[in-house]
Amino acid sequence: MAKAVTIKVKLVSTADTGFYYVAKKNSRTMTDKLVKKKYDPVARKHVEFKESKIK
């Protein structure tokens, strides 16, 4: 069996609310850390979410 190309990553809010999204990323083409601007319902505004590992 071959190793999976896509991995699941946790996108943690930079507003320090503890809210997170789970996203898939292609580990071969996107070698840098993933940063997306998404909605944080706890802070009730759009903030940046940065990648961290799923425990």
Protein backbone atom coordinates (compact mmCIF):
# COMPACT_ATOMS: atom_id res chain seq x y z
CA MET A 1 0.00 0.00 0.00
CA ALA A 2 1.16 3.48 -0.83
CA LYS A 3 1.30 6.30 1.67
CA ALA A 4 -1.66 8.71 1.55
CA VAL A 5 -0.96 12.03 -0.15
CA THR A 6 -3.53 14.07 1.76
CA ILE A 7 -3.31 14.54 5.51
CA LYS A 8 -5.77 16.08 7.96
CA VAL A 9 -4.62 19.23 9.77
CA LYS A 10 -6.19 21.31 12.51
CA LEU A 11 -6.69 25.02 11.79
CA VAL A 12 -6.62 26.88 15.13
CA SER A 13 -8.00 30.40 15.52
CA THR A 14 -5.49 33.20 16.13
CA ALA A 15 -8.11 35.01 18.25
CA ASP A 16 -7.32 32.51 21.08
CA THR A 17 -10.95 31.39 21.40
CA GLY A 18 -10.09 27.70 21.18
CA PHE A 19 -12.23 27.26 18.06
CA TYR A 20 -10.76 25.18 15.22
CA TYR A 21 -11.54 23.73 11.81
CA VAL A 22 -10.26 20.44 10.37
CA ALA A 23 -8.99 20.58 6.79
CA LYS A 24 -7.22 18.30 4.33
CA LYS A 25 -3.96 19.28 2.72
CA ASN A 26 -1.72 17.74 0.09
CA SER A 27 1.53 17.14 1.97
CA ARG A 28 3.63 16.84 -1.21
CA THR A 29 2.66 20.11 -2.90
CA MET A 30 1.96 22.28 0.17
CA THR A 31 5.03 21.86 2.34
CA ASP A 32 4.59 25.15 4.23
CA LYS A 33 2.13 25.77 7.07
CA LEU A 34 -1.46 26.36 6.02
CA VAL A 35 -3.01 29.76 6.89
CA LYS A 36 -6.62 30.58 5.99
CA LYS A 37 -8.92 33.45 6.83
CA LYS A 38 -12.23 31.98 8.05
CA TYR A 39 -15.12 32.84 10.34
CA ASP A 40 -14.73 32.33 14.09
CA PRO A 41 -18.21 32.03 15.66
CA VAL A 42 -16.88 32.56 19.20
CA ALA A 43 -15.21 35.87 18.30
CA ARG A 44 -18.03 36.55 15.79
CA LYS A 45 -15.68 37.81 13.06
CA HIS A 46 -13.29 36.62 10.37
CA VAL A 47 -9.79 35.85 11.68
CA GLU A 48 -6.75 33.92 10.47
CA PHE A 49 -6.54 30.24 11.27
CA LYS A 50 -3.10 28.61 11.42
CA GLU A 51 -2.20 24.97 10.99
CA SER A 52 -1.35 22.69 13.89
CA LYS A 53 -1.20 18.92 14.30
CA ILE A 54 -4.20 16.80 15.23
CA LYS A 55 -3.46 14.98 18.48
